[in-house]
Amino acid sequence: MNDQAPHPTVVVIGGGYGGISVAKALDEHATVTLVEPKDAFVHNIAALRSVVQTDFLPRMFLPYDRLLVRGTVLRDRAVRVDGHTVELASGASLAPDYIVLASGSSYPFPAKSDRMVTSDAIARYLAAHDDLKRADRVMLLGAGAVGLEFAGEIAAAWPEKDIVMVDVAPDILPGPYDPRLRIEVNRQLDGLGVRRILGNPLVQLPPVPAGEFATFTVNTADGTDIQADIWFRCYGIAPQTDYVAGDLLAARTAEGYLDVTPELRVAGFENVYALGDISAIDVNKAGVAGREAVVVAKNIQAQIEGSAELSAYAPSKPVIILPLGPSGGSGQLPDGEIASPELISQIKGQHMMIDRYVEMLNLGA
């Protein structure tokens, strides 16, 4: 640290994957305040597994208590950030030297929980589990990564269930992936008995709430009838940037993302960074928040030390790790190779990466 900034302050908005990584990395270099409305870190990677295998639930919600040694985790919500000050729902106002926006995205339950209190979130997952267990026929709307992973989880837990996926797109898994990946995933879906109705949207949504047991019939545009006992929405990611205000608004895109420089600074600001699901770099790609967090933490540390040499973030190649239950799945690796079910199970499918985040949050054994 230089003499001009012996105790620089950093406020991180959002305690998800990117937020905890930046906050932890900067804890020894600055006075860090992590602002997060939830009472625990939510390990969303394990969310779909937790619906079918409820013993994962206690490990999906991890306390923040030990994340920071010097800094503070403040249970509050940012309601207005203009690039200079952070106003909180509690009425408090912060004016840090650096602001890191890592507020993430929303996504329909159960891929993400919208409950602020762990006990409420667990109760909702348990209710969904019970309703899903009762259902003989399941409809999943969306054949992207979330829908595919959820189909694999349900099929692995209850092989006797009839599962149908519906998507307006003509093929599964939209994105710049190698066609071999779709061939392999389709092969495994066939083996699991998961039906797909693609390129043929529903005329209207089911007349019953998503995630609740209730028998219904819907029709596709070509007249196909679908009967099911429960349905889930597996599409609809939305960046959470509604708190952006003042001068920061100039960097907000029509879709709600924030334009950033290669150094991940918000366009027009020297000391405000944005990463993860709200950054307009690598939009809607899984796993980038951690990589971006390394760049953000390194650059803030360099600024604190008075260096003008900042690191640039290199957008990722198309990479995906897609489990289909604990022992199935496929993926596209950084070298372009298509991963085997055995490798996917080893990387993610068996344990859903829980141990990595237990260690990150300093929770020990």
Protein backbone atom coordinates (compact mmCIF):
# COMPACT_ATOMS: atom_id res chain seq x y z
CA MET A 1 0.00 0.00 0.00
CA ASN A 2 1.17 3.50 -0.69
CA ASP A 3 1.26 6.39 1.75
CA GLN A 4 -1.72 8.10 0.17
CA ALA A 5 -4.06 5.16 0.81
CA PRO A 6 -3.02 3.31 3.96
CA HIS A 7 -6.46 1.85 4.44
CA PRO A 8 -8.31 1.82 1.12
CA THR A 9 -11.92 0.72 1.30
CA VAL A 10 -13.66 -1.69 -1.06
CA VAL A 11 -17.38 -2.41 -1.18
CA VAL A 12 -18.40 -5.59 -3.01
CA ILE A 13 -22.07 -5.79 -4.02
CA GLY A 14 -23.19 -9.40 -4.05
CA GLY A 15 -22.02 -12.48 -2.18
CA GLY A 16 -22.19 -15.01 -5.01
CA TYR A 17 -19.32 -16.82 -6.70
CA GLY A 18 -17.57 -13.70 -8.01
CA GLY A 19 -18.26 -11.56 -4.96
CA ILE A 20 -16.81 -13.95 -2.40
CA SER A 21 -13.74 -14.53 -4.56
CA VAL A 22 -12.96 -10.81 -4.87
CA ALA A 23 -13.72 -10.07 -1.23
CA LYS A 24 -11.48 -12.88 0.02
CA ALA A 25 -8.62 -11.98 -2.33
CA LEU A 26 -8.65 -8.33 -1.22
CA ASP A 27 -9.20 -8.96 2.49
CA GLU A 28 -5.54 -8.52 3.40
CA HIS A 29 -5.03 -5.53 1.10
CA ALA A 30 -7.98 -3.30 1.98
CA THR A 31 -10.91 -2.80 4.31
CA VAL A 32 -13.54 -4.89 2.54
CA THR A 33 -17.31 -4.75 3.03
CA LEU A 34 -19.31 -7.43 1.25
CA VAL A 35 -22.98 -6.45 0.91
CA GLU A 36 -25.37 -9.39 0.52
CA PRO A 37 -29.08 -9.70 1.45
CA LYS A 38 -29.09 -13.48 1.88
CA ASP A 39 -28.09 -14.95 5.23
CA ALA A 40 -25.78 -17.52 3.63
CA PHE A 41 -23.83 -18.20 0.45
CA VAL A 42 -25.99 -20.23 -1.93
CA HIS A 43 -24.11 -22.87 -3.89
CA ASN A 44 -26.35 -22.80 -6.97
CA ILE A 45 -24.28 -25.46 -8.70
CA ALA A 46 -25.92 -27.99 -6.37
CA ALA A 47 -29.46 -26.60 -6.66
CA LEU A 48 -30.88 -29.07 -9.17
CA ARG A 49 -29.29 -32.02 -7.37
CA SER A 50 -30.83 -30.78 -4.13
CA VAL A 51 -34.35 -31.06 -5.56
CA VAL A 52 -33.99 -34.78 -6.16
CA GLN A 53 -31.48 -35.62 -3.42
CA THR A 54 -32.34 -33.57 -0.37
CA ASP A 55 -29.28 -34.57 1.65
CA PHE A 56 -27.45 -32.01 -0.52
CA LEU A 57 -29.56 -29.18 0.86
CA PRO A 58 -27.63 -28.51 4.09
CA ARG A 59 -24.43 -28.29 2.05
CA MET A 60 -25.94 -25.95 -0.51
CA PHE A 61 -26.25 -23.07 1.99
CA LEU A 62 -22.89 -22.09 3.48
CA PRO A 63 -22.44 -19.40 6.16
CA TYR A 64 -20.33 -16.31 5.47
CA ASP A 65 -18.99 -16.14 9.03
CA ARG A 66 -15.43 -17.21 8.26
CA LEU A 67 -15.00 -15.80 4.75
CA LEU A 68 -13.17 -12.61 5.79
CA VAL A 69 -10.53 -12.15 8.47
CA ARG A 70 -10.40 -8.35 8.46
CA GLY A 71 -13.41 -7.37 6.41
CA THR A 72 -17.13 -7.46 7.08
CA VAL A 73 -20.07 -9.25 5.49
CA LEU A 74 -23.00 -6.86 5.78
CA ARG A 75 -26.44 -8.39 5.44
CA ASP A 76 -28.13 -5.64 3.47
CA ARG A 77 -29.18 -4.80 -0.07
CA ALA A 78 -27.79 -2.15 -2.38
CA VAL A 79 -30.68 0.01 -3.60
CA ARG A 80 -28.71 2.76 -5.36
CA VAL A 81 -25.15 2.79 -6.67
CA ASP A 82 -24.07 5.76 -8.76
CA GLY A 83 -20.38 4.92 -9.08
CA HIS A 84 -19.37 7.03 -6.10
CA THR A 85 -21.68 6.06 -3.23
CA VAL A 86 -23.55 2.91 -2.27
CA GLU A 87 -26.94 3.39 -0.66
CA LEU A 88 -28.38 0.43 1.23
CA ALA A 89 -31.92 -0.68 2.02
CA SER A 90 -31.19 -0.11 5.71
CA GLY A 91 -30.64 3.58 5.02
CA ALA A 92 -26.88 3.40 5.40
CA SER A 93 -24.65 5.04 2.80
CA LEU A 94 -21.09 3.98 1.91
CA ALA A 95 -18.48 5.94 -0.01
CA PRO A 96 -15.65 3.47 -0.67
CA ASP A 97 -12.48 3.95 -2.66
CA TYR A 98 -13.40 1.03 -4.91
CA ILE A 99 -16.74 -0.54 -5.81
CA VAL A 100 -17.10 -4.06 -7.19
CA LEU A 101 -20.48 -4.93 -8.69
CA ALA A 102 -21.05 -8.67 -8.47
CA SER A 103 -24.80 -8.86 -7.95
CA GLY A 104 -25.31 -11.76 -10.34
CA SER A 105 -28.52 -12.80 -12.02
CA SER A 106 -31.91 -14.19 -11.20
CA TYR A 107 -33.20 -17.44 -12.66
CA PRO A 108 -36.44 -19.34 -12.11
CA PHE A 109 -36.58 -21.76 -9.18
CA PRO A 110 -35.16 -24.35 -8.61
CA ALA A 111 -31.97 -23.47 -10.51
CA LYS A 112 -31.73 -20.47 -8.17
CA SER A 113 -33.43 -19.68 -4.88
CA ASP A 114 -35.14 -16.33 -4.43
CA ARG A 115 -35.48 -16.66 -0.65
CA MET A 116 -33.31 -14.48 1.60
CA VAL A 117 -33.48 -16.78 4.64
CA THR A 118 -31.92 -20.25 4.48
CA SER A 119 -34.71 -21.96 6.39
CA ASP A 120 -37.30 -20.57 3.96
CA ALA A 121 -35.22 -21.63 0.97
CA ILE A 122 -34.76 -25.17 2.29
CA ALA A 123 -38.49 -25.46 2.98
CA ARG A 124 -39.23 -24.52 -0.63
CA TYR A 125 -36.78 -27.07 -2.00
CA LEU A 126 -38.25 -29.78 0.25
CA ALA A 127 -41.76 -28.96 -0.95
CA ALA A 128 -40.63 -29.11 -4.59
CA HIS A 129 -38.95 -32.46 -3.90
CA ASP A 130 -42.13 -33.90 -2.42
CA ASP A 131 -44.28 -32.67 -5.32
CA LEU A 132 -41.79 -33.90 -7.91
CA LYS A 133 -41.58 -37.28 -6.23
CA ARG A 134 -45.38 -37.67 -6.54
CA ALA A 135 -45.44 -36.76 -10.22
CA ASP A 136 -45.41 -39.51 -12.84
CA ARG A 137 -45.06 -37.08 -15.76
CA VAL A 138 -42.71 -34.09 -15.75
CA MET A 139 -42.48 -31.27 -18.28
CA LEU A 140 -39.42 -29.04 -18.48
CA LEU A 141 -39.68 -25.83 -20.50
CA GLY A 142 -36.26 -25.08 -21.93
CA ALA A 143 -33.65 -27.42 -23.41
CA GLY A 144 -30.59 -25.38 -22.54
CA ALA A 145 -28.00 -26.34 -19.95
CA VAL A 146 -30.37 -25.97 -16.97
CA GLY A 147 -33.17 -27.99 -18.51
CA LEU A 148 -30.78 -30.71 -19.65
CA GLU A 149 -29.09 -30.99 -16.27
CA PHE A 150 -32.43 -31.07 -14.46
CA ALA A 151 -33.75 -33.77 -16.83
CA GLY A 152 -30.67 -35.85 -16.08
CA GLU A 153 -31.10 -35.40 -12.32
CA ILE A 154 -34.76 -36.42 -12.40
CA ALA A 155 -34.12 -39.40 -14.67
CA ALA A 156 -31.25 -40.63 -12.49
CA ALA A 157 -33.29 -40.33 -9.28
CA TRP A 158 -36.58 -41.68 -10.67
CA PRO A 159 -35.99 -43.70 -13.86
CA GLU A 160 -39.68 -44.60 -14.07
CA LYS A 161 -40.86 -41.00 -14.58
CA ASP A 162 -41.93 -39.75 -17.99
CA ILE A 163 -39.89 -36.62 -18.74
CA VAL A 164 -40.52 -34.34 -21.69
CA MET A 165 -38.50 -31.26 -22.61
CA VAL A 166 -40.07 -28.52 -24.72
CA ASP A 167 -38.20 -25.70 -26.45
CA VAL A 168 -38.90 -23.25 -29.24
CA ALA A 169 -35.33 -23.81 -30.51
CA PRO A 170 -34.78 -26.56 -33.09
CA ASP A 171 -32.04 -28.28 -31.09
CA ILE A 172 -30.85 -28.69 -27.52
CA LEU A 173 -28.16 -26.58 -25.89
CA PRO A 174 -28.00 -23.28 -27.76
CA GLY A 175 -24.57 -21.72 -27.98
CA PRO A 176 -21.31 -22.00 -29.92
CA TYR A 177 -20.65 -25.62 -29.00
CA ASP A 178 -19.19 -28.41 -31.08
CA PRO A 179 -21.98 -30.45 -32.77
CA ARG A 180 -20.38 -33.57 -31.29
CA LEU A 181 -21.46 -32.38 -27.84
CA ARG A 182 -25.12 -32.26 -28.82
CA ILE A 183 -24.85 -35.67 -30.44
CA GLU A 184 -23.43 -37.15 -27.24
CA VAL A 185 -25.99 -35.45 -24.97
CA ASN A 186 -28.86 -36.54 -27.20
CA ARG A 187 -27.52 -40.09 -27.13
CA GLN A 188 -27.55 -40.10 -23.34
CA LEU A 189 -31.00 -38.50 -23.18
CA ASP A 190 -32.29 -41.29 -25.41
CA GLY A 191 -30.77 -43.81 -23.03
CA LEU A 192 -32.50 -42.12 -20.10
CA GLY A 193 -35.84 -42.08 -21.91
CA VAL A 194 -36.10 -38.27 -21.90
CA ARG A 195 -38.36 -37.08 -24.71
CA ARG A 196 -37.73 -33.81 -26.56
CA ILE A 197 -40.23 -31.62 -28.41
CA LEU A 198 -38.09 -29.00 -30.17
CA GLY A 199 -38.86 -26.19 -32.56
CA ASN A 200 -42.48 -26.41 -31.48
CA PRO A 201 -43.46 -23.96 -28.72
CA LEU A 202 -46.45 -24.21 -26.41
CA VAL A 203 -49.54 -22.26 -27.38
CA GLN A 204 -49.71 -21.06 -23.77
CA LEU A 205 -48.09 -21.80 -20.45
CA PRO A 206 -49.62 -24.40 -18.13
CA PRO A 207 -52.58 -23.14 -16.06
CA VAL A 208 -50.91 -24.26 -12.82
CA PRO A 209 -47.90 -22.82 -10.93
CA ALA A 210 -44.45 -24.06 -11.84
CA GLY A 211 -42.91 -26.52 -9.41
CA GLU A 212 -46.18 -27.63 -7.82
CA PHE A 213 -47.99 -30.95 -8.25
CA ALA A 214 -51.08 -30.47 -10.41
CA THR A 215 -52.11 -32.49 -13.46
CA PHE A 216 -52.61 -30.44 -16.62
CA THR A 217 -52.70 -30.62 -20.41
CA VAL A 218 -51.07 -28.14 -22.79
CA ASN A 219 -50.74 -27.97 -26.56
CA THR A 220 -47.86 -27.12 -28.85
CA ALA A 221 -48.15 -24.94 -31.93
CA ASP A 222 -48.54 -27.99 -34.20
CA GLY A 223 -51.31 -29.45 -32.03
CA THR A 224 -49.33 -31.95 -29.98
CA ASP A 225 -50.94 -32.60 -26.57
CA ILE A 226 -48.69 -32.82 -23.53
CA GLN A 227 -50.04 -34.14 -20.24
CA ALA A 228 -47.97 -33.76 -17.09
CA ASP A 229 -48.27 -33.62 -13.31
CA ILE A 230 -45.65 -30.95 -12.71
CA TRP A 231 -43.62 -28.50 -14.77
CA PHE A 232 -40.58 -26.31 -14.30
CA ARG A 233 -39.35 -23.23 -16.15
CA CYS A 234 -35.76 -23.78 -17.29
CA TYR A 235 -35.07 -20.50 -19.05
CA GLY A 236 -35.07 -16.81 -18.20
CA ILE A 237 -31.76 -15.51 -16.84
CA ALA A 238 -31.89 -11.82 -15.89
CA PRO A 239 -28.92 -9.69 -14.73
CA GLN A 240 -29.57 -7.94 -11.41
CA THR A 241 -28.61 -4.31 -11.99
CA ASP A 242 -31.78 -2.47 -10.99
CA TYR A 243 -29.83 -0.54 -8.34
CA VAL A 244 -27.59 1.16 -10.92
CA ALA A 245 -28.19 4.92 -10.91
CA GLY A 246 -26.69 8.31 -11.69
CA ASP A 247 -23.60 8.37 -13.86
CA LEU A 248 -23.41 4.55 -13.85
CA LEU A 249 -26.59 4.33 -15.92
CA ALA A 250 -24.63 5.26 -19.05
CA ALA A 251 -22.88 1.87 -18.88
CA ARG A 252 -26.08 -0.18 -18.53
CA THR A 253 -27.20 -1.91 -21.72
CA ALA A 254 -30.81 -2.33 -22.80
CA GLU A 255 -30.66 -5.93 -21.54
CA GLY A 256 -29.42 -4.84 -18.11
CA TYR A 257 -25.75 -5.78 -18.42
CA LEU A 258 -22.90 -3.36 -17.71
CA ASP A 259 -20.37 -2.42 -20.36
CA VAL A 260 -16.85 -2.91 -19.08
CA THR A 261 -13.31 -2.29 -20.30
CA PRO A 262 -10.91 -5.20 -20.89
CA GLU A 263 -9.72 -4.61 -17.29
CA LEU A 264 -13.34 -5.18 -16.14
CA ARG A 265 -13.79 -1.58 -15.05
CA VAL A 266 -17.25 -0.20 -15.72
CA ALA A 267 -17.04 2.00 -18.79
CA GLY A 268 -16.34 5.57 -17.74
CA PHE A 269 -15.08 4.74 -14.23
CA GLU A 270 -11.58 4.19 -12.89
CA ASN A 271 -12.51 2.58 -9.56
CA VAL A 272 -15.74 0.70 -10.30
CA TYR A 273 -15.63 -2.88 -11.54
CA ALA A 274 -18.31 -5.31 -12.70
CA LEU A 275 -18.01 -9.06 -13.09
CA GLY A 276 -19.92 -12.29 -13.45
CA ASP A 277 -23.48 -12.42 -14.75
CA ILE A 278 -23.88 -8.64 -14.95
CA SER A 279 -20.75 -7.96 -17.00
CA ALA A 280 -21.24 -7.55 -20.75
CA ILE A 281 -18.15 -9.72 -21.33
CA ASP A 282 -18.80 -13.47 -21.66
CA VAL A 283 -22.52 -12.93 -21.19
CA ASN A 284 -24.50 -15.90 -19.86
CA LYS A 285 -21.51 -18.23 -19.63
CA ALA A 286 -21.17 -20.40 -16.55
CA GLY A 287 -17.99 -20.35 -14.54
CA VAL A 288 -16.60 -17.01 -15.69
CA ALA A 289 -17.23 -15.15 -12.41
CA GLY A 290 -14.31 -16.86 -10.70
CA ARG A 291 -11.92 -16.10 -13.56
CA GLU A 292 -13.08 -12.51 -13.74
CA ALA A 293 -12.75 -12.16 -9.95
CA VAL A 294 -9.03 -12.95 -10.19
CA VAL A 295 -8.55 -10.11 -12.69
CA VAL A 296 -10.62 -7.63 -10.64
CA ALA A 297 -8.80 -8.41 -7.39
CA LYS A 298 -5.41 -8.19 -9.08
CA ASN A 299 -6.26 -4.84 -10.68
CA ILE A 300 -7.61 -3.27 -7.50
CA GLN A 301 -4.52 -4.44 -5.64
CA ALA A 302 -2.36 -2.87 -8.37
CA GLN A 303 -4.27 0.40 -8.08
CA ILE A 304 -3.88 0.36 -4.30
CA GLU A 305 -0.13 -0.08 -4.74
CA GLY A 306 -0.01 2.80 -7.22
CA SER A 307 0.67 0.74 -10.31
CA ALA A 308 -0.68 1.77 -13.69
CA GLU A 309 -0.19 -1.73 -15.08
CA LEU A 310 -3.58 -3.46 -15.03
CA SER A 311 -4.46 -6.91 -16.31
CA ALA A 312 -6.93 -7.52 -19.11
CA TYR A 313 -9.52 -10.28 -18.99
CA ALA A 314 -9.41 -12.73 -21.87
CA PRO A 315 -12.92 -13.91 -22.85
CA SER A 316 -13.28 -17.64 -22.50
CA LYS A 317 -13.60 -20.25 -25.20
CA PRO A 318 -16.86 -22.22 -25.33
CA VAL A 319 -16.57 -24.49 -22.29
CA ILE A 320 -19.32 -26.38 -20.49
CA ILE A 321 -19.46 -29.12 -17.87
CA LEU A 322 -22.93 -30.69 -18.13
CA PRO A 323 -23.78 -33.55 -15.76
CA LEU A 324 -26.80 -35.74 -16.45
CA GLY A 325 -27.15 -37.18 -12.98
CA PRO A 326 -24.27 -38.32 -10.76
CA SER A 327 -22.69 -40.62 -13.35
CA GLY A 328 -23.73 -39.23 -16.74
CA GLY A 329 -23.25 -36.14 -18.84
CA SER A 330 -20.76 -34.61 -21.23
CA GLY A 331 -19.07 -31.31 -21.85
CA GLN A 332 -16.75 -29.28 -24.00
CA LEU A 333 -13.29 -28.73 -22.53
CA PRO A 334 -10.99 -25.72 -23.06
CA ASP A 335 -9.01 -27.66 -25.67
CA GLY A 336 -12.22 -28.33 -27.61
CA GLU A 337 -12.44 -31.99 -26.69
CA ILE A 338 -15.77 -33.57 -25.77
CA ALA A 339 -15.71 -34.93 -22.22
CA SER A 340 -16.76 -38.44 -21.30
CA PRO A 341 -19.47 -39.17 -18.70
CA GLU A 342 -16.75 -40.53 -16.42
CA LEU A 343 -14.78 -37.28 -16.53
CA ILE A 344 -17.90 -35.14 -16.01
CA SER A 345 -18.82 -37.28 -13.01
CA GLN A 346 -15.35 -36.83 -11.57
CA ILE A 347 -15.25 -33.06 -12.16
CA LYS A 348 -18.77 -32.22 -11.04
CA GLY A 349 -21.43 -34.92 -11.16
CA GLN A 350 -20.59 -36.85 -8.02
CA HIS A 351 -20.03 -33.98 -5.59
CA MET A 352 -21.31 -30.84 -7.39
CA MET A 353 -18.08 -29.02 -6.40
CA ILE A 354 -19.24 -28.48 -2.82
CA ASP A 355 -15.84 -29.06 -1.22
CA ARG A 356 -14.30 -26.26 -3.30
CA TYR A 357 -16.67 -23.69 -1.79
CA VAL A 358 -16.50 -25.10 1.71
CA GLU A 359 -12.76 -24.39 1.46
CA MET A 360 -13.32 -20.97 -0.15
CA LEU A 361 -15.54 -19.94 2.77
CA ASN A 362 -13.00 -21.29 5.29
CA LEU A 363 -15.50 -23.71 6.76
CA GLY A 364 -13.06 -26.60 7.13
CA ALA A 365 -14.05 -30.23 7.42
